[in-house]
Amino acid sequence: QVRVVESGGGLVQAGGSLRLSCAASGTIFSAYTMAWYRQGPGKQRELVAAITSGRTINYADSVEGRFTISRDNVKKTVYLQMNSLKPEDTAVYYCNIRVVRTDYWGQGTQVTVSS
């Protein structure tokens, strides 16, 4: 069983920065993709950024150039550096680990950006 735990959310003013971390515990035998999703008030959950085991990266258009995803395979940890934050980035951010066709989710961490 894989356990996923996020940290690093909080309240920040527009233009500020936050760094989210997500650590996976448990044994993972296969290559796996690590990703960040978010769900804003009244919105559907959406992909923010993803990074494969080969370090291929995808970003949502809305965060391209402002957010940076990275991973440490030894620590089984993924990071999301968020710069130039906007009020519309306010959401619960969820970490996702995809191993083959199985998804593991964290409990989510709140990010609130004030104007």
N, C-alpha and C. Protein backbone atom coordinates (compact mmCIF):
# COMPACT_ATOMS: atom_id res chain seq x y z
N GLN A 1 0.85 -1.19 0.00
CA GLN A 1 0.00 0.00 0.00
C GLN A 1 0.88 1.24 0.00
N VAL A 2 0.52 2.21 -0.82
CA VAL A 2 1.27 3.46 -0.90
C VAL A 2 0.50 4.55 -0.15
N ARG A 3 1.18 5.25 0.73
CA ARG A 3 0.59 6.37 1.45
C ARG A 3 1.20 7.66 0.93
N VAL A 4 0.34 8.67 0.78
CA VAL A 4 0.77 9.93 0.18
C VAL A 4 0.42 11.07 1.14
N VAL A 5 1.39 11.89 1.47
CA VAL A 5 1.17 12.97 2.44
C VAL A 5 1.72 14.27 1.88
N GLU A 6 0.82 15.28 1.79
CA GLU A 6 1.24 16.60 1.31
C GLU A 6 1.53 17.52 2.49
N SER A 7 2.32 18.56 2.21
CA SER A 7 2.56 19.61 3.19
C SER A 7 2.94 20.89 2.45
N GLY A 8 2.84 22.01 3.15
CA GLY A 8 3.34 23.27 2.60
C GLY A 8 2.29 24.27 2.18
N GLY A 9 1.02 23.95 2.32
CA GLY A 9 0.00 24.92 1.96
C GLY A 9 -0.06 26.07 2.96
N GLY A 10 -0.91 27.05 2.66
CA GLY A 10 -1.06 28.17 3.57
C GLY A 10 -1.69 29.36 2.90
N LEU A 11 -1.60 30.49 3.59
CA LEU A 11 -2.17 31.75 3.10
C LEU A 11 -1.03 32.65 2.64
N VAL A 12 -1.18 33.22 1.46
CA VAL A 12 -0.15 34.08 0.91
C VAL A 12 -0.82 35.21 0.13
N GLN A 13 -0.16 36.35 0.06
CA GLN A 13 -0.69 37.46 -0.74
C GLN A 13 -0.40 37.24 -2.22
N ALA A 14 -1.21 37.84 -3.05
CA ALA A 14 -0.98 37.78 -4.49
C ALA A 14 0.43 38.25 -4.82
N GLY A 15 1.08 37.50 -5.72
CA GLY A 15 2.46 37.80 -6.07
C GLY A 15 3.48 37.04 -5.25
N GLY A 16 3.01 36.41 -4.20
CA GLY A 16 3.90 35.66 -3.32
C GLY A 16 4.20 34.26 -3.84
N SER A 17 4.91 33.50 -3.00
CA SER A 17 5.34 32.15 -3.37
C SER A 17 5.04 31.16 -2.26
N LEU A 18 4.84 29.93 -2.66
CA LEU A 18 4.71 28.81 -1.74
C LEU A 18 5.36 27.59 -2.37
N ARG A 19 5.80 26.68 -1.51
CA ARG A 19 6.36 25.42 -2.00
C ARG A 19 5.62 24.28 -1.34
N LEU A 20 5.03 23.42 -2.17
CA LEU A 20 4.34 22.24 -1.68
C LEU A 20 5.26 21.04 -1.79
N SER A 21 5.13 20.14 -0.83
CA SER A 21 5.88 18.89 -0.86
C SER A 21 4.91 17.73 -0.71
N CYS A 22 5.29 16.61 -1.28
CA CYS A 22 4.46 15.40 -1.18
C CYS A 22 5.39 14.20 -1.09
N ALA A 23 5.24 13.44 -0.02
CA ALA A 23 6.08 12.27 0.17
C ALA A 23 5.24 11.01 0.08
N ALA A 24 5.75 10.04 -0.65
CA ALA A 24 5.10 8.74 -0.76
C ALA A 24 5.84 7.74 0.10
N SER A 25 5.10 6.93 0.83
CA SER A 25 5.71 5.88 1.64
C SER A 25 5.19 4.54 1.18
N GLY A 26 5.97 3.49 1.46
CA GLY A 26 5.59 2.17 0.98
C GLY A 26 6.46 1.79 -0.20
N THR A 27 6.39 0.54 -0.58
CA THR A 27 7.23 0.03 -1.64
C THR A 27 6.54 0.20 -2.99
N ILE A 28 7.27 0.81 -3.93
CA ILE A 28 6.76 0.98 -5.28
C ILE A 28 7.73 0.30 -6.23
N PHE A 29 7.29 -0.75 -6.92
CA PHE A 29 8.17 -1.53 -7.76
C PHE A 29 8.28 -1.02 -9.18
N SER A 30 7.26 -0.30 -9.62
CA SER A 30 7.24 0.14 -11.02
C SER A 30 7.57 1.61 -11.14
N ALA A 31 7.85 2.02 -12.36
CA ALA A 31 7.98 3.45 -12.62
C ALA A 31 6.64 4.12 -12.33
N TYR A 32 6.69 5.33 -11.83
CA TYR A 32 5.45 5.98 -11.46
C TYR A 32 5.51 7.47 -11.77
N THR A 33 4.36 8.00 -12.09
CA THR A 33 4.21 9.43 -12.34
C THR A 33 3.73 10.11 -11.07
N MET A 34 4.28 11.28 -10.81
CA MET A 34 3.88 12.09 -9.66
C MET A 34 3.26 13.38 -10.19
N ALA A 35 2.18 13.79 -9.59
CA ALA A 35 1.47 14.94 -10.13
C ALA A 35 0.80 15.73 -9.01
N TRP A 36 0.48 16.96 -9.35
CA TRP A 36 -0.31 17.83 -8.48
C TRP A 36 -1.61 18.18 -9.21
N TYR A 37 -2.70 18.04 -8.50
CA TYR A 37 -4.01 18.48 -8.97
C TYR A 37 -4.51 19.54 -7.99
N ARG A 38 -5.52 20.27 -8.41
CA ARG A 38 -6.16 21.21 -7.50
C ARG A 38 -7.65 21.28 -7.77
N GLN A 39 -8.36 21.67 -6.73
CA GLN A 39 -9.80 21.85 -6.85
C GLN A 39 -10.18 23.14 -6.15
N GLY A 40 -10.57 24.12 -6.95
CA GLY A 40 -10.99 25.40 -6.41
C GLY A 40 -12.45 25.37 -6.00
N PRO A 41 -12.91 26.39 -5.28
CA PRO A 41 -14.31 26.45 -4.83
C PRO A 41 -15.27 26.37 -6.01
N GLY A 42 -16.16 25.39 -5.98
CA GLY A 42 -17.14 25.24 -7.02
C GLY A 42 -16.60 24.76 -8.35
N LYS A 43 -15.38 24.26 -8.35
CA LYS A 43 -14.77 23.82 -9.60
C LYS A 43 -14.43 22.34 -9.55
N GLN A 44 -14.20 21.76 -10.72
CA GLN A 44 -13.77 20.38 -10.78
C GLN A 44 -12.26 20.28 -10.52
N ARG A 45 -11.85 19.13 -10.09
CA ARG A 45 -10.42 18.91 -9.88
C ARG A 45 -9.72 18.96 -11.23
N GLU A 46 -8.56 19.63 -11.27
CA GLU A 46 -7.82 19.77 -12.51
C GLU A 46 -6.35 19.47 -12.30
N LEU A 47 -5.71 19.00 -13.36
CA LEU A 47 -4.28 18.75 -13.31
C LEU A 47 -3.52 20.07 -13.33
N VAL A 48 -2.57 20.20 -12.43
CA VAL A 48 -1.72 21.39 -12.38
C VAL A 48 -0.38 21.10 -13.06
N ALA A 49 0.26 20.01 -12.65
CA ALA A 49 1.55 19.64 -13.22
C ALA A 49 1.81 18.17 -12.94
N ALA A 50 2.56 17.54 -13.83
CA ALA A 50 2.90 16.13 -13.67
C ALA A 50 4.34 15.91 -14.13
N ILE A 51 4.98 14.93 -13.49
CA ILE A 51 6.35 14.59 -13.87
C ILE A 51 6.48 13.07 -13.85
N THR A 52 6.95 12.52 -14.95
CA THR A 52 7.08 11.06 -15.04
C THR A 52 8.40 10.61 -14.41
N SER A 53 8.57 9.31 -14.31
CA SER A 53 9.82 8.78 -13.77
C SER A 53 11.01 9.17 -14.64
N GLY A 54 10.78 9.40 -15.93
CA GLY A 54 11.82 9.86 -16.84
C GLY A 54 11.96 11.37 -16.87
N ARG A 55 11.22 12.03 -15.98
CA ARG A 55 11.25 13.49 -15.81
C ARG A 55 10.67 14.26 -16.99
N THR A 56 9.74 13.63 -17.71
CA THR A 56 8.93 14.39 -18.67
C THR A 56 7.89 15.16 -17.87
N ILE A 57 7.75 16.45 -18.18
CA ILE A 57 6.92 17.34 -17.38
C ILE A 57 5.81 17.95 -18.23
N ASN A 58 4.63 18.03 -17.63
CA ASN A 58 3.50 18.73 -18.24
C ASN A 58 2.95 19.73 -17.25
N TYR A 59 2.56 20.89 -17.74
CA TYR A 59 1.93 21.92 -16.91
C TYR A 59 0.60 22.31 -17.52
N ALA A 60 -0.33 22.69 -16.66
CA ALA A 60 -1.53 23.35 -17.13
C ALA A 60 -1.15 24.72 -17.69
N ASP A 61 -1.87 25.14 -18.71
CA ASP A 61 -1.56 26.44 -19.33
C ASP A 61 -1.60 27.58 -18.30
N SER A 62 -2.50 27.45 -17.35
CA SER A 62 -2.72 28.53 -16.39
C SER A 62 -1.55 28.73 -15.43
N VAL A 63 -0.66 27.74 -15.32
CA VAL A 63 0.45 27.85 -14.37
C VAL A 63 1.81 27.84 -15.06
N GLU A 64 1.81 27.60 -16.37
CA GLU A 64 3.07 27.54 -17.12
C GLU A 64 3.86 28.83 -16.90
N GLY A 65 5.14 28.67 -16.56
CA GLY A 65 6.00 29.83 -16.34
C GLY A 65 5.98 30.36 -14.93
N ARG A 66 5.02 29.93 -14.12
CA ARG A 66 4.93 30.39 -12.72
C ARG A 66 5.22 29.26 -11.73
N PHE A 67 4.82 28.05 -12.08
CA PHE A 67 4.99 26.90 -11.20
C PHE A 67 6.08 25.99 -11.76
N THR A 68 6.79 25.31 -10.85
CA THR A 68 7.81 24.35 -11.24
C THR A 68 7.64 23.07 -10.44
N ILE A 69 7.52 21.97 -11.15
CA ILE A 69 7.41 20.66 -10.48
C ILE A 69 8.76 19.96 -10.56
N SER A 70 9.12 19.27 -9.49
CA SER A 70 10.37 18.51 -9.48
C SER A 70 10.16 17.29 -8.57
N ARG A 71 11.07 16.33 -8.69
CA ARG A 71 10.94 15.13 -7.87
C ARG A 71 12.30 14.63 -7.43
N ASP A 72 12.29 13.94 -6.29
CA ASP A 72 13.48 13.28 -5.75
C ASP A 72 13.12 11.80 -5.63
N ASN A 73 13.65 10.98 -6.52
CA ASN A 73 13.26 9.57 -6.54
C ASN A 73 13.77 8.81 -5.32
N VAL A 74 14.88 9.22 -4.77
CA VAL A 74 15.41 8.55 -3.59
C VAL A 74 14.45 8.77 -2.41
N LYS A 75 13.97 9.98 -2.26
CA LYS A 75 13.06 10.31 -1.16
C LYS A 75 11.61 10.02 -1.51
N LYS A 76 11.34 9.64 -2.77
CA LYS A 76 9.97 9.44 -3.24
C LYS A 76 9.12 10.67 -2.92
N THR A 77 9.65 11.81 -3.27
CA THR A 77 9.01 13.08 -2.95
C THR A 77 8.90 13.93 -4.21
N VAL A 78 7.77 14.62 -4.32
CA VAL A 78 7.55 15.56 -5.41
C VAL A 78 7.29 16.93 -4.81
N TYR A 79 7.78 17.95 -5.49
CA TYR A 79 7.65 19.32 -5.03
C TYR A 79 6.91 20.16 -6.07
N LEU A 80 6.25 21.19 -5.60
CA LEU A 80 5.64 22.16 -6.50
C LEU A 80 6.01 23.55 -5.99
N GLN A 81 6.90 24.21 -6.72
CA GLN A 81 7.26 25.58 -6.38
C GLN A 81 6.31 26.50 -7.12
N MET A 82 5.59 27.31 -6.36
CA MET A 82 4.56 28.18 -6.94
C MET A 82 4.98 29.63 -6.72
N ASN A 83 5.23 30.32 -7.80
CA ASN A 83 5.61 31.73 -7.75
C ASN A 83 4.54 32.59 -8.41
N SER A 84 4.61 33.88 -8.16
CA SER A 84 3.67 34.84 -8.76
C SER A 84 2.24 34.37 -8.59
N LEU A 85 1.91 33.97 -7.38
CA LEU A 85 0.58 33.41 -7.12
C LEU A 85 -0.51 34.44 -7.34
N LYS A 86 -1.65 33.94 -7.82
CA LYS A 86 -2.82 34.77 -8.10
C LYS A 86 -3.99 34.28 -7.26
N PRO A 87 -4.96 35.16 -7.01
CA PRO A 87 -6.15 34.71 -6.26
C PRO A 87 -6.82 33.49 -6.89
N GLU A 88 -6.78 33.38 -8.20
CA GLU A 88 -7.41 32.24 -8.86
C GLU A 88 -6.65 30.93 -8.66
N ASP A 89 -5.48 30.99 -8.05
CA ASP A 89 -4.76 29.77 -7.68
C ASP A 89 -5.28 29.18 -6.36
N THR A 90 -6.17 29.90 -5.71
CA THR A 90 -6.74 29.40 -4.46
C THR A 90 -7.47 28.09 -4.70
N ALA A 91 -7.10 27.07 -3.94
CA ALA A 91 -7.67 25.73 -4.14
C ALA A 91 -7.10 24.79 -3.08
N VAL A 92 -7.70 23.62 -3.02
CA VAL A 92 -7.07 22.52 -2.31
C VAL A 92 -6.20 21.79 -3.32
N TYR A 93 -4.94 21.62 -2.97
CA TYR A 93 -3.99 20.97 -3.85
C TYR A 93 -3.77 19.53 -3.40
N TYR A 94 -3.90 18.62 -4.35
CA TYR A 94 -3.79 17.19 -4.07
C TYR A 94 -2.58 16.60 -4.81
N CYS A 95 -1.88 15.77 -4.10
CA CYS A 95 -0.79 15.02 -4.70
C CYS A 95 -1.31 13.69 -5.21
N ASN A 96 -0.84 13.29 -6.37
CA ASN A 96 -1.26 12.02 -6.98
C ASN A 96 -0.02 11.22 -7.39
N ILE A 97 -0.05 9.95 -7.04
CA ILE A 97 0.99 9.01 -7.48
C ILE A 97 0.30 7.97 -8.34
N ARG A 98 0.72 7.83 -9.58
CA ARG A 98 0.12 6.83 -10.47
C ARG A 98 1.14 5.74 -10.72
N VAL A 99 0.79 4.53 -10.27
CA VAL A 99 1.64 3.36 -10.48
C VAL A 99 0.90 2.44 -11.43
N VAL A 100 1.39 2.38 -12.67
CA VAL A 100 0.72 1.66 -13.75
C VAL A 100 -0.68 2.27 -13.90
N ARG A 101 -1.74 1.57 -13.51
CA ARG A 101 -3.09 2.14 -13.64
C ARG A 101 -3.75 2.38 -12.29
N THR A 102 -2.98 2.41 -11.23
CA THR A 102 -3.52 2.64 -9.88
C THR A 102 -3.12 4.02 -9.40
N ASP A 103 -4.12 4.77 -8.93
CA ASP A 103 -3.89 6.11 -8.41
C ASP A 103 -3.93 6.12 -6.89
N TYR A 104 -2.96 6.82 -6.32
CA TYR A 104 -2.93 7.05 -4.87
C TYR A 104 -2.98 8.56 -4.66
N TRP A 105 -3.84 8.97 -3.71
CA TRP A 105 -4.06 10.40 -3.48
C TRP A 105 -3.71 10.77 -2.04
N GLY A 106 -3.23 12.00 -1.89
CA GLY A 106 -3.08 12.55 -0.56
C GLY A 106 -4.39 13.17 -0.09
N GLN A 107 -4.35 13.70 1.12
CA GLN A 107 -5.55 14.25 1.73
C GLN A 107 -5.82 15.68 1.28
N GLY A 108 -4.84 16.30 0.65
CA GLY A 108 -4.99 17.66 0.15
C GLY A 108 -4.43 18.69 1.12
N THR A 109 -3.97 19.79 0.56
CA THR A 109 -3.49 20.90 1.37
C THR A 109 -4.05 22.20 0.79
N GLN A 110 -4.55 23.06 1.67
CA GLN A 110 -5.21 24.28 1.24
C GLN A 110 -4.19 25.36 0.90
N VAL A 111 -4.38 25.96 -0.27
CA VAL A 111 -3.60 27.14 -0.67
C VAL A 111 -4.59 28.28 -0.88
N THR A 112 -4.40 29.36 -0.16
CA THR A 112 -5.26 30.52 -0.28
C THR A 112 -4.42 31.73 -0.65
N VAL A 113 -4.79 32.39 -1.75
CA VAL A 113 -4.06 33.57 -2.21
C VAL A 113 -4.99 34.77 -2.08
N SER A 114 -4.59 35.71 -1.26
CA SER A 114 -5.41 36.90 -1.04
C SER A 114 -5.01 38.02 -2.00
N SER A 115 -6.00 38.81 -2.38
CA SER A 115 -5.73 39.90 -3.34
C SER A 115 -5.35 41.18 -2.63
